[in-house]
PDB file of all heavy atoms in Angstrom:
ATOM      1  N   ARG A   1     -84.589  33.364 -10.717  1.00  0.00           N
ATOM      2  CA  ARG A   1     -83.858  33.199  -9.373  1.00  0.00           C
ATOM      3  C   ARG A   1     -83.873  34.375  -8.571  1.00  0.00           C
ATOM      4  O   ARG A   1     -83.778  35.446  -9.142  1.00  0.00           O
ATOM      5  CB  ARG A   1     -82.291  32.843  -9.947  1.00  0.00           C
ATOM      6  CG  ARG A   1     -81.475  32.674  -8.762  1.00  0.00           C
ATOM      7  CD  ARG A   1     -80.045  32.283  -9.489  1.00  0.00           C
ATOM      8  NE  ARG A   1     -79.313  33.367  -9.772  1.00  0.00           N
ATOM      9  CZ  ARG A   1     -78.393  33.878  -8.973  1.00  0.00           C
ATOM     10  NH1 ARG A   1     -77.965  33.314  -7.958  1.00  0.00           N
ATOM     11  NH2 ARG A   1     -77.653  34.937  -9.500  1.00  0.00           N
ATOM     12  N   ARG A   2     -83.924  34.410  -7.296  1.00  0.00           N
ATOM     13  CA  ARG A   2     -83.859  35.451  -6.346  1.00  0.00           C
ATOM     14  C   ARG A   2     -82.520  35.880  -6.247  1.00  0.00           C
ATOM     15  O   ARG A   2     -81.595  35.011  -6.048  1.00  0.00           O
ATOM     16  CB  ARG A   2     -84.493  35.135  -5.010  1.00  0.00           C
ATOM     17  CG  ARG A   2     -86.029  34.905  -5.216  1.00  0.00           C
ATOM     18  CD  ARG A   2     -86.546  34.852  -3.862  1.00  0.00           C
ATOM     19  NE  ARG A   2     -87.655  35.765  -3.823  1.00  0.00           N
ATOM     20  CZ  ARG A   2     -88.593  35.802  -2.920  1.00  0.00           C
ATOM     21  NH1 ARG A   2     -88.351  35.092  -1.880  1.00  0.00           N
ATOM     22  NH2 ARG A   2     -89.580  36.707  -2.969  1.00  0.00           N
ATOM     23  N   ARG A   3     -82.270  37.162  -6.273  1.00  0.00           N
ATOM     24  CA  ARG A   3     -80.811  37.753  -6.009  1.00  0.00           C
ATOM     25  C   ARG A   3     -80.737  38.249  -4.621  1.00  0.00           C
ATOM     26  O   ARG A   3     -81.630  38.807  -4.119  1.00  0.00           O
ATOM     27  CB  ARG A   3     -80.677  38.931  -6.985  1.00  0.00           C
ATOM     28  CG  ARG A   3     -80.691  38.461  -8.490  1.00  0.00           C
ATOM     29  CD  ARG A   3     -80.240  39.450  -9.446  1.00  0.00           C
ATOM     30  NE  ARG A   3     -80.411  39.128 -10.787  1.00  0.00           N
ATOM     31  CZ  ARG A   3     -79.693  38.358 -11.490  1.00  0.00           C
ATOM     32  NH1 ARG A   3     -78.686  37.593 -10.976  1.00  0.00           N
ATOM     33  NH2 ARG A   3     -79.965  38.058 -12.776  1.00  0.00           N
ATOM     34  N   THR A   4     -79.538  38.097  -4.020  1.00  0.00           N
ATOM     35  CA  THR A   4     -79.297  38.589  -2.716  1.00  0.00           C
ATOM     36  C   THR A   4     -79.107  40.146  -2.754  1.00  0.00           C
ATOM     37  O   THR A   4     -78.820  40.686  -3.899  1.00  0.00           O
ATOM     38  CB  THR A   4     -77.929  37.991  -2.241  1.00  0.00           C
ATOM     39  OG1 THR A   4     -76.834  38.544  -3.145  1.00  0.00           O
ATOM     40  CG2 THR A   4     -78.024  36.455  -2.149  1.00  0.00           C
ATOM     41  N   PRO A   5     -79.285  40.917  -1.754  1.00  0.00           N
ATOM     42  CA  PRO A   5     -79.153  42.305  -1.764  1.00  0.00           C
ATOM     43  C   PRO A   5     -77.751  42.776  -2.184  1.00  0.00           C
ATOM     44  O   PRO A   5     -77.578  43.660  -2.912  1.00  0.00           O
ATOM     45  CB  PRO A   5     -79.297  42.678  -0.244  1.00  0.00           C
ATOM     46  CG  PRO A   5     -80.227  41.636   0.277  1.00  0.00           C
ATOM     47  CD  PRO A   5     -79.874  40.333  -0.341  1.00  0.00           C
ATOM     48  N   ALA A   6     -76.693  41.993  -1.743  1.00  0.00           N
ATOM     49  CA  ALA A   6     -75.358  42.387  -2.263  1.00  0.00           C
ATOM     50  C   ALA A   6     -75.133  42.147  -3.762  1.00  0.00           C
ATOM     51  O   ALA A   6     -74.536  42.994  -4.421  1.00  0.00           O
ATOM     52  CB  ALA A   6     -74.349  41.530  -1.534  1.00  0.00           C
ATOM     53  N   GLU A   7     -75.705  41.186  -4.294  1.00  0.00           N
ATOM     54  CA  GLU A   7     -75.607  40.879  -5.742  1.00  0.00           C
ATOM     55  C   GLU A   7     -76.501  42.003  -6.398  1.00  0.00           C
ATOM     56  O   GLU A   7     -76.075  42.437  -7.521  1.00  0.00           O
ATOM     57  CB  GLU A   7     -76.385  39.514  -6.093  1.00  0.00           C
ATOM     58  CG  GLU A   7     -76.011  39.003  -7.399  1.00  0.00           C
ATOM     59  CD  GLU A   7     -76.490  37.597  -7.639  1.00  0.00           C
ATOM     60  OE1 GLU A   7     -77.331  37.112  -6.795  1.00  0.00           O
ATOM     61  OE2 GLU A   7     -76.242  36.994  -8.613  1.00  0.00           O
ATOM     62  N   LYS A   8     -77.599  42.413  -6.044  1.00  0.00           N
ATOM     63  CA  LYS A   8     -78.493  43.548  -6.655  1.00  0.00           C
ATOM     64  C   LYS A   8     -77.610  44.759  -6.690  1.00  0.00           C
ATOM     65  O   LYS A   8     -77.624  45.422  -7.638  1.00  0.00           O
ATOM     66  CB  LYS A   8     -79.683  43.716  -5.862  1.00  0.00           C
ATOM     67  CG  LYS A   8     -80.685  42.703  -6.029  1.00  0.00           C
ATOM     68  CD  LYS A   8     -81.907  43.006  -5.292  1.00  0.00           C
ATOM     69  CE  LYS A   8     -83.046  41.891  -5.290  1.00  0.00           C
ATOM     70  NZ  LYS A   8     -84.243  42.115  -4.462  1.00  0.00           N
ATOM     71  N   LYS A   9     -76.920  45.032  -5.524  1.00  0.00           N
ATOM     72  CA  LYS A   9     -76.099  46.157  -5.458  1.00  0.00           C
ATOM     73  C   LYS A   9     -74.845  46.203  -6.507  1.00  0.00           C
ATOM     74  O   LYS A   9     -74.673  47.260  -7.124  1.00  0.00           O
ATOM     75  CB  LYS A   9     -75.543  46.346  -4.094  1.00  0.00           C
ATOM     76  CG  LYS A   9     -75.009  47.686  -3.715  1.00  0.00           C
ATOM     77  CD  LYS A   9     -74.528  47.770  -2.262  1.00  0.00           C
ATOM     78  CE  LYS A   9     -73.966  49.167  -1.989  1.00  0.00           C
ATOM     79  NZ  LYS A   9     -73.731  49.358  -0.594  1.00  0.00           N
ATOM     80  N   ARG A  10     -74.323  45.068  -6.567  1.00  0.00           N
ATOM     81  CA  ARG A  10     -73.240  44.870  -7.591  1.00  0.00           C
ATOM     82  C   ARG A  10     -73.636  45.097  -8.977  1.00  0.00           C
ATOM     83  O   ARG A  10     -73.120  45.700  -9.869  1.00  0.00           O
ATOM     84  CB  ARG A  10     -72.564  43.493  -7.397  1.00  0.00           C
ATOM     85  CG  ARG A  10     -71.398  43.321  -8.254  1.00  0.00           C
ATOM     86  CD  ARG A  10     -70.870  41.884  -8.193  1.00  0.00           C
ATOM     87  NE  ARG A  10     -71.779  40.761  -8.363  1.00  0.00           N
ATOM     88  CZ  ARG A  10     -72.230  40.375  -9.502  1.00  0.00           C
ATOM     89  NH1 ARG A  10     -71.834  40.855 -10.673  1.00  0.00           N
ATOM     90  NH2 ARG A  10     -73.154  39.428  -9.524  1.00  0.00           N
ATOM     91  N   LEU A  11     -74.821  44.493  -9.280  1.00  0.00           N
ATOM     92  CA  LEU A  11     -75.324  44.647 -10.681  1.00  0.00           C
ATOM     93  C   LEU A  11     -75.723  46.114 -10.996  1.00  0.00           C
ATOM     94  O   LEU A  11     -75.537  46.560 -12.058  1.00  0.00           O
ATOM     95  CB  LEU A  11     -76.542  43.699 -10.796  1.00  0.00           C
ATOM     96  CG  LEU A  11     -76.301  42.201 -10.896  1.00  0.00           C
ATOM     97  CD1 LEU A  11     -77.467  41.333 -10.757  1.00  0.00           C
ATOM     98  CD2 LEU A  11     -75.395  41.983 -12.152  1.00  0.00           C
ATOM     99  N   GLU A  12     -76.253  46.721 -10.001  1.00  0.00           N
ATOM    100  CA  GLU A  12     -76.712  48.207 -10.144  1.00  0.00           C
ATOM    101  C   GLU A  12     -75.463  48.997 -10.376  1.00  0.00           C
ATOM    102  O   GLU A  12     -75.540  49.916 -11.217  1.00  0.00           O
ATOM    103  CB  GLU A  12     -77.503  48.638  -8.978  1.00  0.00           C
ATOM    104  CG  GLU A  12     -78.251  49.961  -9.225  1.00  0.00           C
ATOM    105  CD  GLU A  12     -79.204  49.870 -10.239  1.00  0.00           C
ATOM    106  OE1 GLU A  12     -79.792  48.924 -10.377  1.00  0.00           O
ATOM    107  OE2 GLU A  12     -79.313  50.831 -11.067  1.00  0.00           O
ATOM    108  N   ARG A  13     -74.444  48.808  -9.697  1.00  0.00           N
ATOM    109  CA  ARG A  13     -73.217  49.478  -9.940  1.00  0.00           C
ATOM    110  C   ARG A  13     -72.673  49.326 -11.374  1.00  0.00           C
ATOM    111  O   ARG A  13     -72.178  50.240 -11.977  1.00  0.00           O
ATOM    112  CB  ARG A  13     -72.229  49.281  -8.937  1.00  0.00           C
ATOM    113  CG  ARG A  13     -72.249  49.951  -7.630  1.00  0.00           C
ATOM    114  CD  ARG A  13     -70.791  49.944  -6.855  1.00  0.00           C
ATOM    115  NE  ARG A  13     -70.405  48.501  -6.810  1.00  0.00           N
ATOM    116  CZ  ARG A  13     -70.587  47.646  -5.688  1.00  0.00           C
ATOM    117  NH1 ARG A  13     -71.159  48.303  -4.665  1.00  0.00           N
ATOM    118  NH2 ARG A  13     -70.052  46.537  -5.691  1.00  0.00           N
ATOM    119  N   ALA A  14     -72.859  48.099 -11.754  1.00  0.00           N
ATOM    120  CA  ALA A  14     -72.188  47.663 -13.109  1.00  0.00           C
ATOM    121  C   ALA A  14     -73.144  48.482 -14.145  1.00  0.00           C
ATOM    122  O   ALA A  14     -72.602  48.876 -15.271  1.00  0.00           O
ATOM    123  CB  ALA A  14     -72.377  46.259 -13.363  1.00  0.00           C
ATOM    124  N   ARG A  15     -74.372  48.643 -13.992  1.00  0.00           N
ATOM    125  CA  ARG A  15     -75.219  49.413 -14.972  1.00  0.00           C
ATOM    126  C   ARG A  15     -74.923  50.895 -14.991  1.00  0.00           C
ATOM    127  O   ARG A  15     -75.349  51.659 -15.892  1.00  0.00           O
ATOM    128  CB  ARG A  15     -76.747  49.149 -14.619  1.00  0.00           C
ATOM    129  CG  ARG A  15     -77.178  47.903 -15.080  1.00  0.00           C
ATOM    130  CD  ARG A  15     -78.542  47.695 -14.937  1.00  0.00           C
ATOM    131  NE  ARG A  15     -79.053  46.332 -14.711  1.00  0.00           N
ATOM    132  CZ  ARG A  15     -79.531  45.930 -13.546  1.00  0.00           C
ATOM    133  NH1 ARG A  15     -79.636  46.691 -12.562  1.00  0.00           N
ATOM    134  NH2 ARG A  15     -79.667  44.575 -13.344  1.00  0.00           N
ATOM    135  N   ASP A  16     -74.276  51.393 -13.969  1.00  0.00           N
ATOM    136  CA  ASP A  16     -73.904  52.802 -13.896  1.00  0.00           C
ATOM    137  C   ASP A  16     -72.716  53.284 -14.665  1.00  0.00           C
ATOM    138  O   ASP A  16     -72.428  54.516 -14.578  1.00  0.00           O
ATOM    139  CB  ASP A  16     -73.830  53.374 -12.393  1.00  0.00           C
ATOM    140  CG  ASP A  16     -75.188  53.271 -11.719  1.00  0.00           C
ATOM    141  OD1 ASP A  16     -76.206  53.212 -12.304  1.00  0.00           O
ATOM    142  OD2 ASP A  16     -75.126  53.371 -10.373  1.00  0.00           O
ATOM    143  N   HIS A  17     -72.211  52.448 -15.455  1.00  0.00           N
ATOM    144  CA  HIS A  17     -70.932  52.664 -16.199  1.00  0.00           C
ATOM    145  C   HIS A  17     -71.212  52.270 -17.605  1.00  0.00           C
ATOM    146  O   HIS A  17     -71.738  51.298 -17.957  1.00  0.00           O
ATOM    147  CB  HIS A  17     -69.693  52.151 -15.634  1.00  0.00           C
ATOM    148  CG  HIS A  17     -69.441  52.671 -14.257  1.00  0.00           C
ATOM    149  ND1 HIS A  17     -68.586  53.735 -14.206  1.00  0.00           N
ATOM    150  CD2 HIS A  17     -69.743  52.429 -13.025  1.00  0.00           C
ATOM    151  CE1 HIS A  17     -68.436  54.030 -12.949  1.00  0.00           C
ATOM    152  NE2 HIS A  17     -68.978  53.291 -12.201  1.00  0.00           N
ATOM    153  N   PHE A  18     -70.579  53.105 -18.521  1.00  0.00           N
ATOM    154  CA  PHE A  18     -70.509  52.649 -19.942  1.00  0.00           C
ATOM    155  C   PHE A  18     -69.479  51.642 -20.097  1.00  0.00           C
ATOM    156  O   PHE A  18     -68.399  51.573 -19.478  1.00  0.00           O
ATOM    157  CB  PHE A  18     -70.049  53.919 -20.785  1.00  0.00           C
ATOM    158  CG  PHE A  18     -71.271  54.769 -21.202  1.00  0.00           C
ATOM    159  CD1 PHE A  18     -71.369  56.059 -20.771  1.00  0.00           C
ATOM    160  CD2 PHE A  18     -72.239  54.287 -22.080  1.00  0.00           C
ATOM    161  CE1 PHE A  18     -72.360  56.887 -21.186  1.00  0.00           C
ATOM    162  CE2 PHE A  18     -73.299  55.074 -22.506  1.00  0.00           C
ATOM    163  CZ  PHE A  18     -73.377  56.385 -21.887  1.00  0.00           C
ATOM    164  N   ASP A  19     -69.660  50.752 -21.125  1.00  0.00           N
ATOM    165  CA  ASP A  19     -68.591  49.722 -21.462  1.00  0.00           C
ATOM    166  C   ASP A  19     -67.744  50.314 -22.555  1.00  0.00           C
ATOM    167  O   ASP A  19     -68.204  50.409 -23.628  1.00  0.00           O
ATOM    168  CB  ASP A  19     -69.282  48.513 -21.768  1.00  0.00           C
ATOM    169  CG  ASP A  19     -68.365  47.478 -22.193  1.00  0.00           C
ATOM    170  OD1 ASP A  19     -67.116  47.539 -21.815  1.00  0.00           O
ATOM    171  OD2 ASP A  19     -68.782  46.379 -22.824  1.00  0.00           O
ATOM    172  N   ASP A  20     -66.544  50.687 -22.204  1.00  0.00           N
ATOM    173  CA  ASP A  20     -65.619  51.396 -23.262  1.00  0.00           C
ATOM    174  C   ASP A  20     -64.802  50.230 -23.879  1.00  0.00           C
ATOM    175  O   ASP A  20     -63.857  50.617 -24.606  1.00  0.00           O
ATOM    176  CB  ASP A  20     -64.769  52.362 -22.591  1.00  0.00           C
ATOM    177  CG  ASP A  20     -65.427  53.717 -22.469  1.00  0.00           C
ATOM    178  OD1 ASP A  20     -66.592  53.733 -23.038  1.00  0.00           O
ATOM    179  OD2 ASP A  20     -64.873  54.499 -21.920  1.00  0.00           O
ATOM    180  N   TRP A  21     -65.039  48.991 -23.504  1.00  0.00           N
ATOM    181  CA  TRP A  21     -64.094  48.020 -24.102  1.00  0.00           C
ATOM    182  C   TRP A  21     -64.434  47.385 -25.451  1.00  0.00           C
ATOM    183  O   TRP A  21     -63.805  46.486 -25.945  1.00  0.00           O
ATOM    184  CB  TRP A  21     -63.930  46.840 -23.033  1.00  0.00           C
ATOM    185  CG  TRP A  21     -63.330  47.420 -21.844  1.00  0.00           C
ATOM    186  CD1 TRP A  21     -63.920  47.552 -20.617  1.00  0.00           C
ATOM    187  CD2 TRP A  21     -62.005  47.724 -21.707  1.00  0.00           C
ATOM    188  NE1 TRP A  21     -63.004  48.126 -19.686  1.00  0.00           N
ATOM    189  CE2 TRP A  21     -61.850  48.237 -20.404  1.00  0.00           C
ATOM    190  CE3 TRP A  21     -60.867  47.843 -22.400  1.00  0.00           C
ATOM    191  CZ2 TRP A  21     -60.629  48.645 -19.839  1.00  0.00           C
ATOM    192  CZ3 TRP A  21     -59.666  48.174 -21.986  1.00  0.00           C
ATOM    193  CH2 TRP A  21     -59.545  48.741 -20.628  1.00  0.00           C
ATOM    194  N   GLY A  22     -65.527  47.833 -25.882  1.00  0.00           N
ATOM    195  CA  GLY A  22     -66.028  47.423 -27.328  1.00  0.00           C
ATOM    196  C   GLY A  22     -67.455  47.586 -27.449  1.00  0.00           C
ATOM    197  O   GLY A  22     -68.130  47.895 -26.648  1.00  0.00           O
ATOM    198  N   GLU A  23     -67.809  47.347 -28.720  1.00  0.00           N
ATOM    199  CA  GLU A  23     -69.314  47.386 -29.094  1.00  0.00           C
ATOM    200  C   GLU A  23     -70.159  46.379 -28.271  1.00  0.00           C
ATOM    201  O   GLU A  23     -71.209  46.482 -28.005  1.00  0.00           O
ATOM    202  CB  GLU A  23     -69.573  47.438 -30.481  1.00  0.00           C
ATOM    203  CG  GLU A  23     -68.877  48.664 -31.206  1.00  0.00           C
ATOM    204  CD  GLU A  23     -69.585  49.863 -30.790  1.00  0.00           C
ATOM    205  OE1 GLU A  23     -70.884  49.895 -30.706  1.00  0.00           O
ATOM    206  OE2 GLU A  23     -68.821  50.935 -30.607  1.00  0.00           O
ATOM    207  N   ASN A  24     -69.552  45.258 -28.187  1.00  0.00           N
ATOM    208  CA  ASN A  24     -70.230  44.204 -27.523  1.00  0.00           C
ATOM    209  C   ASN A  24     -69.388  43.363 -26.767  1.00  0.00           C
ATOM    210  O   ASN A  24     -68.163  43.557 -26.562  1.00  0.00           O
ATOM    211  CB  ASN A  24     -70.936  43.225 -28.555  1.00  0.00           C
ATOM    212  CG  ASN A  24     -69.980  42.550 -29.543  1.00  0.00           C
ATOM    213  OD1 ASN A  24     -68.863  42.340 -29.160  1.00  0.00           O
ATOM    214  ND2 ASN A  24     -70.341  42.332 -30.713  1.00  0.00           N
ATOM    215  N   GLN A  25     -69.919  42.435 -25.916  1.00  0.00           N
ATOM    216  CA  GLN A  25     -69.071  41.678 -24.904  1.00  0.00           C
ATOM    217  C   GLN A  25     -67.999  40.745 -25.665  1.00  0.00           C
ATOM    218  O   GLN A  25     -66.946  40.565 -25.151  1.00  0.00           O
ATOM    219  CB  GLN A  25     -70.003  40.913 -24.066  1.00  0.00           C
ATOM    220  CG  GLN A  25     -69.414  40.363 -22.921  1.00  0.00           C
ATOM    221  CD  GLN A  25     -68.764  41.495 -21.987  1.00  0.00           C
ATOM    222  OE1 GLN A  25     -69.367  42.570 -21.932  1.00  0.00           O
ATOM    223  NE2 GLN A  25     -67.542  41.201 -21.437  1.00  0.00           N
ATOM    224  N   LYS A  26     -68.373  40.267 -26.784  1.00  0.00           N
ATOM    225  CA  LYS A  26     -67.351  39.509 -27.635  1.00  0.00           C
ATOM    226  C   LYS A  26     -66.181  40.257 -27.892  1.00  0.00           C
ATOM    227  O   LYS A  26     -65.047  39.733 -27.912  1.00  0.00           O
ATOM    228  CB  LYS A  26     -68.032  38.983 -28.901  1.00  0.00           C
ATOM    229  CG  LYS A  26     -67.113  38.190 -29.868  1.00  0.00           C
ATOM    230  CD  LYS A  26     -66.672  36.956 -29.135  1.00  0.00           C
ATOM    231  CE  LYS A  26     -65.820  36.267 -30.235  1.00  0.00           C
ATOM    232  NZ  LYS A  26     -65.179  35.046 -29.637  1.00  0.00           N
ATOM    233  N   ALA A  27     -66.302  41.488 -28.377  1.00  0.00           N
ATOM    234  CA  ALA A  27     -65.066  42.374 -28.611  1.00  0.00           C
ATOM    235  C   ALA A  27     -64.285  42.513 -27.441  1.00  0.00           C
ATOM    236  O   ALA A  27     -63.085  42.438 -27.449  1.00  0.00           O
ATOM    237  CB  ALA A  27     -65.682  43.697 -29.138  1.00  0.00           C
ATOM    238  N   ALA A  28     -64.872  42.784 -26.198  1.00  0.00           N
ATOM    239  CA  ALA A  28     -64.116  42.824 -24.969  1.00  0.00           C
ATOM    240  C   ALA A  28     -63.350  41.498 -24.667  1.00  0.00           C
ATOM    241  O   ALA A  28     -62.149  41.644 -24.303  1.00  0.00           O
ATOM    242  CB  ALA A  28     -64.923  43.345 -23.901  1.00  0.00           C
ATOM    243  N   ARG A  29     -64.055  40.420 -24.767  1.00  0.00           N
ATOM    244  CA  ARG A  29     -63.442  39.147 -24.414  1.00  0.00           C
ATOM    245  C   ARG A  29     -62.285  39.003 -25.307  1.00  0.00           C
ATOM    246  O   ARG A  29     -61.287  38.200 -25.017  1.00  0.00           O
ATOM    247  CB  ARG A  29     -64.417  38.100 -24.507  1.00  0.00           C
ATOM    248  CG  ARG A  29     -65.381  37.991 -23.418  1.00  0.00           C
ATOM    249  CD  ARG A  29     -66.115  36.627 -23.338  1.00  0.00           C
ATOM    250  NE  ARG A  29     -66.667  36.205 -24.571  1.00  0.00           N
ATOM    251  CZ  ARG A  29     -67.861  36.431 -25.040  1.00  0.00           C
ATOM    252  NH1 ARG A  29     -68.682  37.037 -24.277  1.00  0.00           N
ATOM    253  NH2 ARG A  29     -68.308  35.964 -26.120  1.00  0.00           N
ATOM    254  N   ARG A  30     -62.349  39.285 -26.555  1.00  0.00           N
ATOM    255  CA  ARG A  30     -61.241  39.063 -27.518  1.00  0.00           C
ATOM    256  C   ARG A  30     -60.263  40.129 -27.395  1.00  0.00           C
ATOM    257  O   ARG A  30     -58.951  39.699 -27.437  1.00  0.00           O
ATOM    258  CB  ARG A  30     -61.864  39.136 -28.973  1.00  0.00           C
ATOM    259  CG  ARG A  30     -61.002  38.586 -29.963  1.00  0.00           C
ATOM    260  CD  ARG A  30     -61.318  38.900 -31.403  1.00  0.00           C
ATOM    261  NE  ARG A  30     -60.986  40.302 -31.528  1.00  0.00           N
ATOM    262  CZ  ARG A  30     -61.377  41.214 -32.406  1.00  0.00           C
ATOM    263  NH1 ARG A  30     -62.350  40.885 -33.286  1.00  0.00           N
ATOM    264  NH2 ARG A  30     -60.921  42.398 -32.382  1.00  0.00           N
ATOM    265  N   ASN A  31     -60.426  41.334 -27.145  1.00  0.00           N
ATOM    266  CA  ASN A  31     -59.403  42.477 -27.211  1.00  0.00           C
ATOM    267  C   ASN A  31     -58.557  42.467 -25.880  1.00  0.00           C
ATOM    268  O   ASN A  31     -57.403  42.758 -26.048  1.00  0.00           O
ATOM    269  CB  ASN A  31     -59.987  43.769 -27.549  1.00  0.00           C
ATOM    270  CG  ASN A  31     -60.452  43.911 -28.886  1.00  0.00           C
ATOM    271  OD1 ASN A  31     -59.760  43.310 -29.794  1.00  0.00           O
ATOM    272  ND2 ASN A  31     -61.515  44.508 -29.240  1.00  0.00           N
ATOM    273  N   LEU A  32     -59.151  42.248 -24.757  1.00  0.00           N
ATOM    274  CA  LEU A  32     -58.349  42.431 -23.550  1.00  0.00           C
ATOM    275  C   LEU A  32     -57.194  41.489 -23.529  1.00  0.00           C
ATOM    276  O   LEU A  32     -56.058  41.882 -23.226  1.00  0.00           O
ATOM    277  CB  LEU A  32     -59.310  42.258 -22.360  1.00  0.00           C
ATOM    278  CG  LEU A  32     -60.403  43.335 -22.196  1.00  0.00           C
ATOM    279  CD1 LEU A  32     -61.283  43.119 -21.022  1.00  0.00           C
ATOM    280  CD2 LEU A  32     -59.665  44.732 -22.163  1.00  0.00           C
ATOM    281  N   PRO A  33     -57.448  40.202 -23.872  1.00  0.00           N
ATOM    282  CA  PRO A  33     -56.142  39.335 -23.808  1.00  0.00           C
ATOM    283  C   PRO A  33     -55.201  39.755 -24.798  1.00  0.00           C
ATOM    284  O   PRO A  33     -53.969  39.607 -24.635  1.00  0.00           O
ATOM    285  CB  PRO A  33     -56.652  37.938 -24.119  1.00  0.00           C
ATOM    286  CG  PRO A  33     -58.136  37.995 -23.688  1.00  0.00           C
ATOM    287  CD  PRO A  33     -58.605  39.420 -23.928  1.00  0.00           C
ATOM    288  N   LEU A  34     -55.691  40.342 -25.996  1.00  0.00           N
ATOM    289  CA  LEU A  34     -54.633  40.730 -27.043  1.00  0.00           C
ATOM    290  C   LEU A  34     -53.911  41.890 -26.565  1.00  0.00           C
ATOM    291  O   LEU A  34     -52.652  42.064 -26.847  1.00  0.00           O
ATOM    292  CB  LEU A  34     -55.500  41.090 -28.393  1.00  0.00           C
ATOM    293  CG  LEU A  34     -56.162  39.982 -29.016  1.00  0.00           C
ATOM    294  CD1 LEU A  34     -56.872  40.478 -30.353  1.00  0.00           C
ATOM    295  CD2 LEU A  34     -55.150  38.958 -29.439  1.00  0.00           C
ATOM    296  N   ILE A  35     -54.526  42.818 -25.807  1.00  0.00           N
ATOM    297  CA  ILE A  35     -53.850  44.002 -25.231  1.00  0.00           C
ATOM    298  C   ILE A  35     -52.733  43.441 -24.398  1.00  0.00           C
ATOM    299  O   ILE A  35     -51.559  43.957 -24.317  1.00  0.00           O
ATOM    300  CB  ILE A  35     -54.737  44.907 -24.620  1.00  0.00           C
ATOM    301  CG1 ILE A  35     -55.716  45.480 -25.565  1.00  0.00           C
ATOM    302  CG2 ILE A  35     -53.943  45.977 -23.743  1.00  0.00           C
ATOM    303  CD1 ILE A  35     -56.777  46.314 -25.018  1.00  0.00           C
ATOM    304  N   ARG A  36     -53.078  42.646 -23.381  1.00  0.00           N
ATOM    305  CA  ARG A  36     -52.139  42.091 -22.518  1.00  0.00           C
ATOM    306  C   ARG A  36     -50.875  41.363 -23.066  1.00  0.00           C
ATOM    307  O   ARG A  36     -49.752  41.634 -22.720  1.00  0.00           O
ATOM    308  CB  ARG A  36     -52.791  41.134 -21.461  1.00  0.00           C
ATOM    309  CG  ARG A  36     -53.669  41.704 -20.502  1.00  0.00           C
ATOM    310  CD  ARG A  36     -54.179  40.612 -19.568  1.00  0.00           C
ATOM    311  NE  ARG A  36     -55.341  41.212 -18.763  1.00  0.00           N
ATOM    312  CZ  ARG A  36     -56.650  40.791 -18.912  1.00  0.00           C
ATOM    313  NH1 ARG A  36     -56.920  39.848 -19.802  1.00  0.00           N
ATOM    314  NH2 ARG A  36     -57.550  41.347 -18.192  1.00  0.00           N
ATOM    315  N   ALA A  37     -51.217  40.672 -24.078  1.00  0.00           N
ATOM    316  CA  ALA A  37     -50.225  39.880 -24.878  1.00  0.00           C
ATOM    317  C   ALA A  37     -49.179  40.951 -25.595  1.00  0.00           C
ATOM    318  O   ALA A  37     -48.107  40.664 -25.666  1.00  0.00           O
ATOM    319  CB  ALA A  37     -50.794  38.951 -25.923  1.00  0.00           C
ATOM    320  N   ARG A  38     -49.889  42.041 -26.192  1.00  0.00           N
ATOM    321  CA  ARG A  38     -49.023  42.988 -26.835  1.00  0.00           C
ATOM    322  C   ARG A  38     -48.073  43.775 -25.834  1.00  0.00           C
ATOM    323  O   ARG A  38     -46.842  43.786 -26.100  1.00  0.00           O
ATOM    324  CB  ARG A  38     -49.928  43.960 -27.453  1.00  0.00           C
ATOM    325  CG  ARG A  38     -49.217  44.936 -28.472  1.00  0.00           C
ATOM    326  CD  ARG A  38     -50.012  45.902 -29.190  1.00  0.00           C
ATOM    327  NE  ARG A  38     -50.852  46.626 -28.285  1.00  0.00           N
ATOM    328  CZ  ARG A  38     -52.221  46.683 -28.478  1.00  0.00           C
ATOM    329  NH1 ARG A  38     -52.847  46.049 -29.399  1.00  0.00           N
ATOM    330  NH2 ARG A  38     -52.952  47.466 -27.655  1.00  0.00           N
ATOM    331  N   HIS A  39     -48.452  43.851 -24.584  1.00  0.00           N
ATOM    332  CA  HIS A  39     -47.603  44.460 -23.633  1.00  0.00           C
ATOM    333  C   HIS A  39     -46.590  43.502 -23.308  1.00  0.00           C
ATOM    334  O   HIS A  39     -45.319  43.912 -23.087  1.00  0.00           O
ATOM    335  CB  HIS A  39     -48.409  44.767 -22.355  1.00  0.00           C
ATOM    336  CG  HIS A  39     -49.068  46.157 -22.397  1.00  0.00           C
ATOM    337  ND1 HIS A  39     -48.566  47.240 -21.877  1.00  0.00           N
ATOM    338  CD2 HIS A  39     -50.252  46.504 -23.040  1.00  0.00           C
ATOM    339  CE1 HIS A  39     -49.391  48.282 -22.313  1.00  0.00           C
ATOM    340  NE2 HIS A  39     -50.376  47.781 -22.911  1.00  0.00           N
TER     341      HIS A  39
END
């Protein structure tokens, strides 16, 4: 699929940061709601 210039820019910005929310995406999807619930 062809990406729009805005989409390319958004994806490039996302790659410029480390993911500190977990080792993999599953960990982040599981832990973020747990943190909110704990608060």
